[in-house]
N, C-alpha and C. Protein backbone atom coordinates (compact mmCIF):
# COMPACT_ATOMS: atom_id res chain seq x y z
N UNK A 1 -11.95 -3.33 -27.92
CA UNK A 1 -12.68 -3.60 -29.15
C UNK A 1 -13.30 -2.29 -29.65
N UNK A 2 -13.53 -2.24 -30.95
CA UNK A 2 -14.12 -1.06 -31.54
C UNK A 2 -15.63 -1.07 -31.41
N UNK A 3 -16.24 -0.04 -31.93
CA UNK A 3 -17.69 0.06 -31.90
C UNK A 3 -18.31 -0.94 -32.88
N UNK A 4 -19.45 -1.46 -32.48
CA UNK A 4 -20.19 -2.36 -33.36
C UNK A 4 -21.07 -1.54 -34.28
N UNK A 5 -21.11 -1.90 -35.54
CA UNK A 5 -22.03 -1.23 -36.44
C UNK A 5 -23.08 -2.23 -36.92
N UNK A 6 -23.95 -1.78 -37.77
CA UNK A 6 -25.05 -2.61 -38.25
C UNK A 6 -24.55 -3.88 -38.92
N UNK A 7 -23.49 -3.77 -39.72
CA UNK A 7 -22.95 -4.95 -40.41
C UNK A 7 -22.40 -5.97 -39.42
N UNK A 8 -21.74 -5.48 -38.36
CA UNK A 8 -21.22 -6.39 -37.33
C UNK A 8 -22.35 -7.15 -36.65
N UNK A 9 -23.40 -6.43 -36.31
CA UNK A 9 -24.54 -7.07 -35.64
C UNK A 9 -25.23 -8.07 -36.57
N UNK A 10 -25.35 -7.71 -37.84
CA UNK A 10 -25.97 -8.62 -38.82
C UNK A 10 -25.13 -9.89 -38.96
N UNK A 11 -23.81 -9.74 -39.07
CA UNK A 11 -22.92 -10.89 -39.19
C UNK A 11 -23.05 -11.80 -37.98
N UNK A 12 -23.08 -11.21 -36.79
CA UNK A 12 -23.22 -11.99 -35.56
C UNK A 12 -24.53 -12.77 -35.56
N UNK A 13 -25.60 -12.12 -35.96
CA UNK A 13 -26.90 -12.78 -35.99
C UNK A 13 -26.91 -13.92 -37.00
N UNK A 14 -26.31 -13.70 -38.17
CA UNK A 14 -26.26 -14.74 -39.20
C UNK A 14 -25.44 -15.95 -38.73
N UNK A 15 -24.38 -15.68 -37.97
CA UNK A 15 -23.51 -16.75 -37.48
C UNK A 15 -24.04 -17.39 -36.20
N UNK A 16 -25.04 -16.76 -35.59
CA UNK A 16 -25.59 -17.28 -34.35
C UNK A 16 -24.63 -17.17 -33.18
N UNK A 17 -23.82 -16.10 -33.18
CA UNK A 17 -22.84 -15.90 -32.12
C UNK A 17 -22.98 -14.50 -31.52
N UNK A 18 -22.35 -14.28 -30.37
CA UNK A 18 -22.37 -12.97 -29.71
C UNK A 18 -21.62 -11.95 -30.57
N UNK A 19 -22.00 -10.69 -30.43
CA UNK A 19 -21.39 -9.63 -31.24
C UNK A 19 -19.88 -9.53 -31.02
N UNK A 20 -19.43 -9.61 -29.78
CA UNK A 20 -17.99 -9.53 -29.50
C UNK A 20 -17.26 -10.71 -30.13
N UNK A 21 -17.86 -11.89 -30.08
CA UNK A 21 -17.26 -13.08 -30.69
C UNK A 21 -17.19 -12.90 -32.22
N UNK A 22 -18.21 -12.27 -32.80
CA UNK A 22 -18.22 -12.02 -34.24
C UNK A 22 -17.06 -11.11 -34.63
N UNK A 23 -16.80 -10.08 -33.82
CA UNK A 23 -15.68 -9.19 -34.11
C UNK A 23 -14.36 -9.94 -34.05
N UNK A 24 -14.19 -10.76 -33.02
CA UNK A 24 -12.96 -11.53 -32.87
C UNK A 24 -12.77 -12.47 -34.06
N UNK A 25 -13.84 -13.17 -34.43
CA UNK A 25 -13.78 -14.11 -35.55
C UNK A 25 -13.46 -13.38 -36.86
N UNK A 26 -14.08 -12.23 -37.06
CA UNK A 26 -13.83 -11.44 -38.26
C UNK A 26 -12.38 -10.97 -38.36
N UNK A 27 -11.83 -10.54 -37.23
CA UNK A 27 -10.42 -10.10 -37.22
C UNK A 27 -9.49 -11.27 -37.49
N UNK A 28 -9.81 -12.45 -36.97
CA UNK A 28 -8.99 -13.63 -37.24
C UNK A 28 -9.02 -13.98 -38.73
N UNK A 29 -10.20 -13.87 -39.35
CA UNK A 29 -10.32 -14.16 -40.78
C UNK A 29 -9.51 -13.16 -41.60
N UNK A 30 -9.60 -11.88 -41.26
CA UNK A 30 -8.86 -10.85 -42.00
C UNK A 30 -7.36 -11.02 -41.81
N UNK A 31 -6.94 -11.41 -40.62
CA UNK A 31 -5.53 -11.65 -40.35
C UNK A 31 -5.01 -12.79 -41.22
N UNK A 32 -5.80 -13.85 -41.34
CA UNK A 32 -5.41 -15.00 -42.17
C UNK A 32 -5.32 -14.58 -43.64
N UNK A 33 -6.29 -13.79 -44.11
CA UNK A 33 -6.27 -13.31 -45.50
C UNK A 33 -5.01 -12.48 -45.75
N UNK A 34 -4.69 -11.60 -44.81
CA UNK A 34 -3.52 -10.74 -44.93
C UNK A 34 -2.25 -11.57 -45.07
N UNK A 35 -2.12 -12.58 -44.22
CA UNK A 35 -0.94 -13.45 -44.25
C UNK A 35 -0.87 -14.23 -45.55
N UNK A 36 -2.00 -14.76 -46.00
CA UNK A 36 -2.03 -15.55 -47.23
C UNK A 36 -1.67 -14.72 -48.46
N UNK A 37 -1.96 -13.42 -48.40
CA UNK A 37 -1.66 -12.55 -49.55
C UNK A 37 -0.27 -11.95 -49.48
N UNK A 38 0.55 -12.43 -48.54
CA UNK A 38 1.95 -12.00 -48.50
C UNK A 38 2.26 -10.96 -47.46
N UNK A 39 1.31 -10.59 -46.63
CA UNK A 39 1.53 -9.63 -45.54
C UNK A 39 2.03 -8.28 -46.01
N UNK A 40 1.60 -7.87 -47.19
CA UNK A 40 1.99 -6.56 -47.74
C UNK A 40 0.93 -5.52 -47.39
N UNK A 41 1.37 -4.35 -46.90
CA UNK A 41 0.43 -3.30 -46.56
C UNK A 41 -0.19 -2.67 -47.80
N UNK A 42 0.57 -2.58 -48.86
CA UNK A 42 0.09 -1.96 -50.10
C UNK A 42 0.06 -3.01 -51.20
N UNK A 43 -1.12 -3.30 -51.71
CA UNK A 43 -1.25 -4.28 -52.79
C UNK A 43 -0.84 -3.64 -54.10
N UNK A 44 -0.18 -4.42 -54.93
CA UNK A 44 0.23 -3.93 -56.24
C UNK A 44 -0.98 -3.94 -57.17
N UNK A 45 -1.15 -2.87 -57.90
CA UNK A 45 -2.31 -2.73 -58.80
C UNK A 45 -2.14 -3.57 -60.05
């Protein structure tokens, strides 16, 4: 896992979960967004 920053810690506190769990949850959400948007590395402007 990467380093935790202030935003990660704030998100974890808001969600009432451990910091490492917050990172995992955040990555899962971003992965889902990426897939829903067509899995393209470069978005068309």
